[in-house]
């Protein structure tokens, strides 16, 4: 099989635990790019966070950001999905505010938060981008007038709290959104039907690539639809069991250049 697209999750997959791309992985992706294979960063991160990784790789990448809700080909947005501002209000009031946690709000290249805490500060340090602190009601009114809304929401906290919020949110039933954990600390919330798998399909359609001509790497719940959708779905050695069960192959961990090891096998 001649593969034409490699889709890689970023945190826990492409990056090691020190938030760096291992040298062997850089070399393998550069080699793949030199063979004419497109590289896509498929991440929960906003564009500023994906930009940092692209620069470290020194490879031009398609950037599938905010859990697949905002896709960039170069500087051009080729696909975007919104949720209704009233849903943002409800999630903030019922889940973030009641648990004394900031709500993270993403639209396009912008990142907004309702307050600052240690998780927000940690993200600022990682992606080198500072969010704007906003009032949810004012932002919702502005977006209602514009006919837009957030691409993605995120609630960050200690694992027990985030798990409890996810259970409450699923029990309540929010028909306009889906949700998934991108780590034990993060619950990501996005428009109904939007997954990394559907984002992969959207990129393939735009580039006229068949799904069977794709390879995808991931490690968390958010990556499972992408692993299932790709021609070859690969879970990292450090992946959750659900991702491993969905994969065609389980490679080495993110700390042991798992992507490079798998690409040597498949390319």
C-alpha atoms as a PDB file:
ATOM      1  CA  UNK A   1       0.000   0.000   0.000  1.00  0.00           C
ATOM      2  CA  UNK A   2       1.268   3.466  -0.890  1.00  0.00           C
ATOM      3  CA  UNK A   3       0.291   5.726   1.989  1.00  0.00           C
ATOM      4  CA  UNK A   4      -0.454   9.392   1.309  1.00  0.00           C
ATOM      5  CA  UNK A   5      -1.380  10.830   4.709  1.00  0.00           C
ATOM      6  CA  UNK A   6      -0.021  10.329   8.243  1.00  0.00           C
ATOM      7  CA  UNK A   7      -2.193  11.724  11.037  1.00  0.00           C
ATOM      8  CA  UNK A   8      -0.599  12.127  14.445  1.00  0.00           C
ATOM      9  CA  UNK A   9      -2.047  13.164  17.760  1.00  0.00           C
ATOM     10  CA  UNK A  10       0.326  15.528  19.556  1.00  0.00           C
ATOM     11  CA  UNK A  11       0.359  15.208  23.347  1.00  0.00           C
ATOM     12  CA  UNK A  12       1.170  11.706  24.546  1.00  0.00           C
ATOM     13  CA  UNK A  13       1.801  10.551  20.982  1.00  0.00           C
ATOM     14  CA  UNK A  14       4.100  12.788  18.944  1.00  0.00           C
ATOM     15  CA  UNK A  15       5.538  14.503  22.015  1.00  0.00           C
ATOM     16  CA  UNK A  16       7.308  12.655  24.786  1.00  0.00           C
ATOM     17  CA  UNK A  17       6.559  13.339  28.437  1.00  0.00           C
ATOM     18  CA  UNK A  18       8.987  16.283  28.352  1.00  0.00           C
ATOM     19  CA  UNK A  19       6.794  17.850  25.611  1.00  0.00           C
ATOM     20  CA  UNK A  20       9.504  17.376  22.982  1.00  0.00           C
ATOM     21  CA  UNK A  21       9.525  15.496  19.673  1.00  0.00           C
ATOM     22  CA  UNK A  22      12.133  12.689  19.881  1.00  0.00           C
ATOM     23  CA  UNK A  23      14.863  13.043  17.271  1.00  0.00           C
ATOM     24  CA  UNK A  24      14.084   9.653  15.707  1.00  0.00           C
ATOM     25  CA  UNK A  25      10.471  10.729  15.249  1.00  0.00           C
ATOM     26  CA  UNK A  26      11.535  14.011  13.612  1.00  0.00           C
ATOM     27  CA  UNK A  27      13.744  12.091  11.206  1.00  0.00           C
ATOM     28  CA  UNK A  28      11.039   9.566  10.345  1.00  0.00           C
ATOM     29  CA  UNK A  29       8.407  12.233   9.623  1.00  0.00           C
ATOM     30  CA  UNK A  30      10.843  14.274   7.547  1.00  0.00           C
ATOM     31  CA  UNK A  31      11.629  11.132   5.580  1.00  0.00           C
ATOM     32  CA  UNK A  32       7.924  10.441   5.056  1.00  0.00           C
ATOM     33  CA  UNK A  33       7.354  14.035   3.953  1.00  0.00           C
ATOM     34  CA  UNK A  34      10.248  13.690   1.517  1.00  0.00           C
ATOM     35  CA  UNK A  35       8.452  10.682   0.045  1.00  0.00           C
ATOM     36  CA  UNK A  36       5.482  12.930  -0.741  1.00  0.00           C
ATOM     37  CA  UNK A  37       3.349  11.812   2.201  1.00  0.00           C
ATOM     38  CA  UNK A  38       1.281  14.561   3.842  1.00  0.00           C
ATOM     39  CA  UNK A  39       1.627  15.007   7.615  1.00  0.00           C
ATOM     40  CA  UNK A  40      -1.357  16.132   9.692  1.00  0.00           C
ATOM     41  CA  UNK A  41      -1.209  17.171  13.327  1.00  0.00           C
ATOM     42  CA  UNK A  42      -4.591  16.064  14.683  1.00  0.00           C
ATOM     43  CA  UNK A  43      -4.832  17.574  18.115  1.00  0.00           C
ATOM     44  CA  UNK A  44      -7.018  18.997  20.820  1.00  0.00           C
ATOM     45  CA  UNK A  45      -4.637  21.955  20.875  1.00  0.00           C
ATOM     46  CA  UNK A  46      -5.540  25.319  19.412  1.00  0.00           C
ATOM     47  CA  UNK A  47      -3.597  26.532  16.332  1.00  0.00           C
ATOM     48  CA  UNK A  48      -0.940  28.363  18.369  1.00  0.00           C
ATOM     49  CA  UNK A  49      -0.054  25.078  20.080  1.00  0.00           C
ATOM     50  CA  UNK A  50       0.037  23.199  16.778  1.00  0.00           C
ATOM     51  CA  UNK A  51       2.210  25.934  15.233  1.00  0.00           C
ATOM     52  CA  UNK A  52       4.877  25.339  17.894  1.00  0.00           C
ATOM     53  CA  UNK A  53       5.027  21.631  17.071  1.00  0.00           C
ATOM     54  CA  UNK A  54       5.135  22.271  13.326  1.00  0.00           C
ATOM     55  CA  UNK A  55       8.132  24.562  13.808  1.00  0.00           C
ATOM     56  CA  UNK A  56       9.903  21.958  15.933  1.00  0.00           C
ATOM     57  CA  UNK A  57       9.332  19.313  13.251  1.00  0.00           C
ATOM     58  CA  UNK A  58      10.507  21.628  10.453  1.00  0.00           C
ATOM     59  CA  UNK A  59       7.913  19.929   8.245  1.00  0.00           C
ATOM     60  CA  UNK A  60       4.908  21.646   6.704  1.00  0.00           C
ATOM     61  CA  UNK A  61       1.808  20.108   8.331  1.00  0.00           C
ATOM     62  CA  UNK A  62      -1.934  20.165   7.935  1.00  0.00           C
ATOM     63  CA  UNK A  63      -3.209  21.350  11.322  1.00  0.00           C
ATOM     64  CA  UNK A  64      -6.398  19.709  12.561  1.00  0.00           C
ATOM     65  CA  UNK A  65      -6.981  21.737  15.703  1.00  0.00           C
ATOM     66  CA  UNK A  66      -9.396  21.938  18.624  1.00  0.00           C
ATOM     67  CA  UNK A  67     -10.314  18.245  18.400  1.00  0.00           C
ATOM     68  CA  UNK A  68     -11.103  18.434  14.673  1.00  0.00           C
ATOM     69  CA  UNK A  69     -13.358  21.492  14.765  1.00  0.00           C
ATOM     70  CA  UNK A  70     -10.902  23.861  13.043  1.00  0.00           C
ATOM     71  CA  UNK A  71      -8.717  22.605  10.182  1.00  0.00           C
ATOM     72  CA  UNK A  72      -5.923  24.614   8.587  1.00  0.00           C
ATOM     73  CA  UNK A  73      -4.217  23.913   5.274  1.00  0.00           C
ATOM     74  CA  UNK A  74      -1.361  26.376   5.381  1.00  0.00           C
ATOM     75  CA  UNK A  75      -2.972  29.573   6.670  1.00  0.00           C
ATOM     76  CA  UNK A  76      -6.344  28.768   5.098  1.00  0.00           C
ATOM     77  CA  UNK A  77      -9.190  27.350   7.182  1.00  0.00           C
ATOM     78  CA  UNK A  78     -10.689  24.523   5.123  1.00  0.00           C
ATOM     79  CA  UNK A  79     -13.219  23.264   7.677  1.00  0.00           C
ATOM     80  CA  UNK A  80     -14.805  24.595  10.866  1.00  0.00           C
ATOM     81  CA  UNK A  81     -17.613  23.518  13.193  1.00  0.00           C
ATOM     82  CA  UNK A  82     -19.413  25.597  15.833  1.00  0.00           C
ATOM     83  CA  UNK A  83     -21.671  24.900  18.791  1.00  0.00           C
ATOM     84  CA  UNK A  84     -24.471  27.262  19.796  1.00  0.00           C
ATOM     85  CA  UNK A  85     -23.587  29.998  22.314  1.00  0.00           C
ATOM     86  CA  UNK A  86     -26.526  28.953  24.532  1.00  0.00           C
ATOM     87  CA  UNK A  87     -24.852  25.576  25.005  1.00  0.00           C
ATOM     88  CA  UNK A  88     -21.683  27.337  26.123  1.00  0.00           C
ATOM     89  CA  UNK A  89     -23.724  29.302  28.689  1.00  0.00           C
ATOM     90  CA  UNK A  90     -25.311  26.118  30.033  1.00  0.00           C
ATOM     91  CA  UNK A  91     -22.045  24.210  30.349  1.00  0.00           C
ATOM     92  CA  UNK A  92     -20.388  27.133  32.082  1.00  0.00           C
ATOM     93  CA  UNK A  93     -23.234  27.617  34.581  1.00  0.00           C
ATOM     94  CA  UNK A  94     -24.020  23.973  35.324  1.00  0.00           C
ATOM     95  CA  UNK A  95     -20.568  22.424  35.307  1.00  0.00           C
ATOM     96  CA  UNK A  96     -17.631  24.848  35.351  1.00  0.00           C
ATOM     97  CA  UNK A  97     -19.026  27.483  37.713  1.00  0.00           C
ATOM     98  CA  UNK A  98     -20.588  24.985  40.129  1.00  0.00           C
ATOM     99  CA  UNK A  99     -17.236  23.182  40.413  1.00  0.00           C
ATOM    100  CA  UNK A 100     -15.272  26.454  40.747  1.00  0.00           C
ATOM    101  CA  UNK A 101     -13.319  25.774  37.551  1.00  0.00           C
ATOM    102  CA  UNK A 102     -12.609  28.060  34.596  1.00  0.00           C
ATOM    103  CA  UNK A 103     -14.243  27.213  31.273  1.00  0.00           C
ATOM    104  CA  UNK A 104     -11.798  27.184  28.367  1.00  0.00           C
ATOM    105  CA  UNK A 105     -13.371  28.470  25.145  1.00  0.00           C
ATOM    106  CA  UNK A 106     -11.876  28.150  21.662  1.00  0.00           C
ATOM    107  CA  UNK A 107     -12.861  29.793  18.395  1.00  0.00           C
ATOM    108  CA  UNK A 108     -10.520  29.817  15.408  1.00  0.00           C
ATOM    109  CA  UNK A 109      -7.115  31.017  16.563  1.00  0.00           C
ATOM    110  CA  UNK A 110      -8.518  32.536  19.770  1.00  0.00           C
ATOM    111  CA  UNK A 111      -8.469  31.105  23.288  1.00  0.00           C
ATOM    112  CA  UNK A 112     -10.696  32.539  26.012  1.00  0.00           C
ATOM    113  CA  UNK A 113     -11.062  31.557  29.681  1.00  0.00           C
ATOM    114  CA  UNK A 114     -13.530  32.613  32.342  1.00  0.00           C
ATOM    115  CA  UNK A 115     -10.790  32.752  34.995  1.00  0.00           C
ATOM    116  CA  UNK A 116      -7.167  31.795  35.589  1.00  0.00           C
ATOM    117  CA  UNK A 117      -5.934  28.767  37.555  1.00  0.00           C
ATOM    118  CA  UNK A 118      -2.893  26.486  37.644  1.00  0.00           C
ATOM    119  CA  UNK A 119      -4.109  24.409  34.673  1.00  0.00           C
ATOM    120  CA  UNK A 120      -4.534  27.514  32.518  1.00  0.00           C
ATOM    121  CA  UNK A 121      -1.103  28.774  33.578  1.00  0.00           C
ATOM    122  CA  UNK A 122       0.461  25.415  32.734  1.00  0.00           C
ATOM    123  CA  UNK A 123      -1.092  25.507  29.255  1.00  0.00           C
ATOM    124  CA  UNK A 124       0.188  29.059  28.709  1.00  0.00           C
ATOM    125  CA  UNK A 125       3.694  27.831  29.480  1.00  0.00           C
ATOM    126  CA  UNK A 126       3.358  24.866  27.103  1.00  0.00           C
ATOM    127  CA  UNK A 127       1.898  26.638  24.054  1.00  0.00           C
ATOM    128  CA  UNK A 128       3.341  30.112  24.721  1.00  0.00           C
ATOM    129  CA  UNK A 129      -0.007  31.810  24.167  1.00  0.00           C
ATOM    130  CA  UNK A 130      -2.038  33.746  26.728  1.00  0.00           C
ATOM    131  CA  UNK A 131      -5.840  33.572  26.691  1.00  0.00           C
ATOM    132  CA  UNK A 132      -8.237  36.456  27.074  1.00  0.00           C
ATOM    133  CA  UNK A 133     -10.300  36.412  30.274  1.00  0.00           C
ATOM    134  CA  UNK A 134     -13.940  36.947  29.305  1.00  0.00           C
ATOM    135  CA  UNK A 135     -17.477  37.143  30.619  1.00  0.00           C
ATOM    136  CA  UNK A 136     -19.421  34.209  29.160  1.00  0.00           C
ATOM    137  CA  UNK A 137     -22.671  36.144  28.809  1.00  0.00           C
ATOM    138  CA  UNK A 138     -21.035  38.995  26.894  1.00  0.00           C
ATOM    139  CA  UNK A 139     -19.184  36.600  24.603  1.00  0.00           C
ATOM    140  CA  UNK A 140     -22.323  34.551  23.985  1.00  0.00           C
ATOM    141  CA  UNK A 141     -24.288  37.669  23.049  1.00  0.00           C
ATOM    142  CA  UNK A 142     -21.549  38.773  20.644  1.00  0.00           C
ATOM    143  CA  UNK A 143     -21.475  35.380  18.931  1.00  0.00           C
ATOM    144  CA  UNK A 144     -25.258  35.183  18.727  1.00  0.00           C
ATOM    145  CA  UNK A 145     -25.235  38.485  16.851  1.00  0.00           C
ATOM    146  CA  UNK A 146     -22.485  37.177  14.542  1.00  0.00           C
ATOM    147  CA  UNK A 147     -24.214  33.833  13.988  1.00  0.00           C
ATOM    148  CA  UNK A 148     -21.165  31.913  15.218  1.00  0.00           C
ATOM    149  CA  UNK A 149     -20.074  30.182  18.418  1.00  0.00           C
ATOM    150  CA  UNK A 150     -17.200  28.277  20.005  1.00  0.00           C
ATOM    151  CA  UNK A 151     -15.420  25.487  18.149  1.00  0.00           C
ATOM    152  CA  UNK A 152     -14.644  23.694  21.392  1.00  0.00           C
ATOM    153  CA  UNK A 153     -14.938  23.980  25.164  1.00  0.00           C
ATOM    154  CA  UNK A 154     -12.675  22.410  27.770  1.00  0.00           C
ATOM    155  CA  UNK A 155     -12.845  21.828  31.502  1.00  0.00           C
ATOM    156  CA  UNK A 156      -9.551  21.083  33.269  1.00  0.00           C
ATOM    157  CA  UNK A 157      -9.093  19.878  36.818  1.00  0.00           C
ATOM    158  CA  UNK A 158      -7.930  17.027  38.994  1.00  0.00           C
ATOM    159  CA  UNK A 159      -8.868  13.608  37.545  1.00  0.00           C
ATOM    160  CA  UNK A 160     -11.574  12.808  40.124  1.00  0.00           C
ATOM    161  CA  UNK A 161     -13.345  16.128  39.584  1.00  0.00           C
ATOM    162  CA  UNK A 162     -13.139  15.899  35.797  1.00  0.00           C
ATOM    163  CA  UNK A 163     -14.448  12.322  35.885  1.00  0.00           C
ATOM    164  CA  UNK A 164     -17.372  13.390  38.078  1.00  0.00           C
ATOM    165  CA  UNK A 165     -18.210  16.307  35.759  1.00  0.00           C
ATOM    166  CA  UNK A 166     -18.140  14.007  32.734  1.00  0.00           C
ATOM    167  CA  UNK A 167     -20.511  11.562  34.453  1.00  0.00           C
ATOM    168  CA  UNK A 168     -22.879  14.386  35.399  1.00  0.00           C
ATOM    169  CA  UNK A 169     -22.786  15.852  31.911  1.00  0.00           C
ATOM    170  CA  UNK A 170     -23.531  12.517  30.258  1.00  0.00           C
ATOM    171  CA  UNK A 171     -26.327  11.827  32.732  1.00  0.00           C
ATOM    172  CA  UNK A 172     -27.871  15.239  32.079  1.00  0.00           C
ATOM    173  CA  UNK A 173     -27.784  14.626  28.342  1.00  0.00           C
ATOM    174  CA  UNK A 174     -26.726  17.459  26.065  1.00  0.00           C
ATOM    175  CA  UNK A 175     -27.961  16.601  22.559  1.00  0.00           C
ATOM    176  CA  UNK A 176     -25.962  19.367  20.872  1.00  0.00           C
ATOM    177  CA  UNK A 177     -22.499  18.168  21.967  1.00  0.00           C
ATOM    178  CA  UNK A 178     -20.146  15.212  22.251  1.00  0.00           C
ATOM    179  CA  UNK A 179     -17.296  14.924  24.726  1.00  0.00           C
ATOM    180  CA  UNK A 180     -14.133  12.924  25.293  1.00  0.00           C
ATOM    181  CA  UNK A 181     -11.111  12.885  27.572  1.00  0.00           C
ATOM    182  CA  UNK A 182      -7.837  13.967  25.983  1.00  0.00           C
ATOM    183  CA  UNK A 183      -6.022  13.234  29.243  1.00  0.00           C
ATOM    184  CA  UNK A 184      -7.042  12.422  32.787  1.00  0.00           C
ATOM    185  CA  UNK A 185      -7.062  16.172  33.517  1.00  0.00           C
ATOM    186  CA  UNK A 186      -9.007  17.414  30.467  1.00  0.00           C
ATOM    187  CA  UNK A 187     -12.610  16.991  29.352  1.00  0.00           C
ATOM    188  CA  UNK A 188     -13.079  18.310  25.820  1.00  0.00           C
ATOM    189  CA  UNK A 189     -16.552  19.272  24.585  1.00  0.00           C
ATOM    190  CA  UNK A 190     -17.319  19.812  20.912  1.00  0.00           C
ATOM    191  CA  UNK A 191     -20.255  20.015  18.484  1.00  0.00           C
ATOM    192  CA  UNK A 192     -22.300  16.846  18.055  1.00  0.00           C
ATOM    193  CA  UNK A 193     -20.837  14.425  15.534  1.00  0.00           C
ATOM    194  CA  UNK A 194     -17.414  16.054  15.388  1.00  0.00           C
ATOM    195  CA  UNK A 195     -14.575  13.603  16.073  1.00  0.00           C
ATOM    196  CA  UNK A 196     -10.971  13.239  15.036  1.00  0.00           C
ATOM    197  CA  UNK A 197     -12.173  10.432  12.771  1.00  0.00           C
ATOM    198  CA  UNK A 198     -14.587  12.720  10.934  1.00  0.00           C
ATOM    199  CA  UNK A 199     -11.853  15.352  10.721  1.00  0.00           C
ATOM    200  CA  UNK A 200      -9.540  12.793   9.116  1.00  0.00           C
ATOM    201  CA  UNK A 201     -12.277  12.027   6.581  1.00  0.00           C
ATOM    202  CA  UNK A 202     -12.729  15.757   5.865  1.00  0.00           C
ATOM    203  CA  UNK A 203      -9.004  16.147   5.162  1.00  0.00           C
ATOM    204  CA  UNK A 204      -9.049  13.097   2.901  1.00  0.00           C
ATOM    205  CA  UNK A 205     -11.991  14.489   0.946  1.00  0.00           C
ATOM    206  CA  UNK A 206     -10.267  17.867   0.536  1.00  0.00           C
ATOM    207  CA  UNK A 207      -7.008  16.264  -0.651  1.00  0.00           C
ATOM    208  CA  UNK A 208      -8.631  13.475  -2.679  1.00  0.00           C
ATOM    209  CA  UNK A 209      -7.009  10.771  -0.565  1.00  0.00           C
ATOM    210  CA  UNK A 210      -8.653   7.418   0.167  1.00  0.00           C
ATOM    211  CA  UNK A 211      -9.095   6.434   3.806  1.00  0.00           C
ATOM    212  CA  UNK A 212      -7.159   3.234   3.210  1.00  0.00           C
ATOM    213  CA  UNK A 213      -4.166   5.387   2.190  1.00  0.00           C
ATOM    214  CA  UNK A 214      -3.884   6.869   5.702  1.00  0.00           C
ATOM    215  CA  UNK A 215      -2.021   5.987   8.896  1.00  0.00           C
ATOM    216  CA  UNK A 216      -3.120   7.437  12.240  1.00  0.00           C
ATOM    217  CA  UNK A 217      -1.431   7.491  15.650  1.00  0.00           C
ATOM    218  CA  UNK A 218      -3.038   8.193  19.028  1.00  0.00           C
ATOM    219  CA  UNK A 219      -3.139   7.390  22.717  1.00  0.00           C
ATOM    220  CA  UNK A 220      -6.353   8.693  24.322  1.00  0.00           C
ATOM    221  CA  UNK A 221     -10.142   8.432  24.126  1.00  0.00           C
ATOM    222  CA  UNK A 222     -10.261  11.444  21.799  1.00  0.00           C
ATOM    223  CA  UNK A 223      -8.064   9.538  19.310  1.00  0.00           C
ATOM    224  CA  UNK A 224     -10.119   6.357  19.122  1.00  0.00           C
ATOM    225  CA  UNK A 225     -12.408   7.447  16.222  1.00  0.00           C
ATOM    226  CA  UNK A 226      -9.334   8.468  14.205  1.00  0.00           C
ATOM    227  CA  UNK A 227      -7.585   5.166  14.908  1.00  0.00           C
ATOM    228  CA  UNK A 228     -10.722   3.341  13.773  1.00  0.00           C
ATOM    229  CA  UNK A 229     -11.239   5.463  10.649  1.00  0.00           C
ATOM    230  CA  UNK A 230      -7.689   5.316   9.254  1.00  0.00           C
ATOM    231  CA  UNK A 231      -6.427   2.685   6.861  1.00  0.00           C
ATOM    232  CA  UNK A 232      -3.945   1.702   9.558  1.00  0.00           C
ATOM    233  CA  UNK A 233      -4.736   2.774  13.114  1.00  0.00           C
ATOM    234  CA  UNK A 234      -1.807   2.671  15.517  1.00  0.00           C
ATOM    235  CA  UNK A 235      -1.946   3.057  19.299  1.00  0.00           C
ATOM    236  CA  UNK A 236       1.062   4.115  21.309  1.00  0.00           C
ATOM    237  CA  UNK A 237       2.524   1.791  23.912  1.00  0.00           C
ATOM    238  CA  UNK A 238       1.409   4.294  26.563  1.00  0.00           C
ATOM    239  CA  UNK A 239      -2.156   4.449  25.172  1.00  0.00           C
ATOM    240  CA  UNK A 240      -5.294   3.698  27.150  1.00  0.00           C
ATOM    241  CA  UNK A 241      -6.690   0.197  26.664  1.00  0.00           C
ATOM    242  CA  UNK A 242      -9.620   1.453  24.575  1.00  0.00           C
ATOM    243  CA  UNK A 243      -7.211   2.936  22.026  1.00  0.00           C
ATOM    244  CA  UNK A 244      -5.118  -0.231  21.936  1.00  0.00           C
ATOM    245  CA  UNK A 245      -8.222  -2.363  21.400  1.00  0.00           C
ATOM    246  CA  UNK A 246      -9.266  -0.174  18.438  1.00  0.00           C
ATOM    247  CA  UNK A 247      -5.838  -0.246  16.794  1.00  0.00           C
ATOM    248  CA  UNK A 248      -4.423  -2.438  14.048  1.00  0.00           C
ATOM    249  CA  UNK A 249      -1.026  -2.242  15.705  1.00  0.00           C
ATOM    250  CA  UNK A 250       0.407  -1.133  19.052  1.00  0.00           C
ATOM    251  CA  UNK A 251       3.804   0.512  18.799  1.00  0.00           C
ATOM    252  CA  UNK A 252       6.319   1.627  21.410  1.00  0.00           C
ATOM    253  CA  UNK A 253       5.562   4.477  23.808  1.00  0.00           C
ATOM    254  CA  UNK A 254       5.817   8.207  23.109  1.00  0.00           C
ATOM    255  CA  UNK A 255       9.022   8.230  25.189  1.00  0.00           C
ATOM    256  CA  UNK A 256      10.533   5.486  23.030  1.00  0.00           C
ATOM    257  CA  UNK A 257      10.009   6.990  19.554  1.00  0.00           C
ATOM    258  CA  UNK A 258       6.935   4.847  18.932  1.00  0.00           C
ATOM    259  CA  UNK A 259       5.962   6.731  15.774  1.00  0.00           C
ATOM    260  CA  UNK A 260       9.377   6.176  14.179  1.00  0.00           C
ATOM    261  CA  UNK A 261       9.298   2.489  15.094  1.00  0.00           C
ATOM    262  CA  UNK A 262       5.881   2.005  13.473  1.00  0.00           C
ATOM    263  CA  UNK A 263       6.692   4.019  10.349  1.00  0.00           C
ATOM    264  CA  UNK A 264       9.767   1.862   9.811  1.00  0.00           C
ATOM    265  CA  UNK A 265       7.427  -1.114   9.802  1.00  0.00           C
ATOM    266  CA  UNK A 266       4.758   0.320   7.506  1.00  0.00           C
ATOM    267  CA  UNK A 267       6.787   2.511   5.130  1.00  0.00           C
END
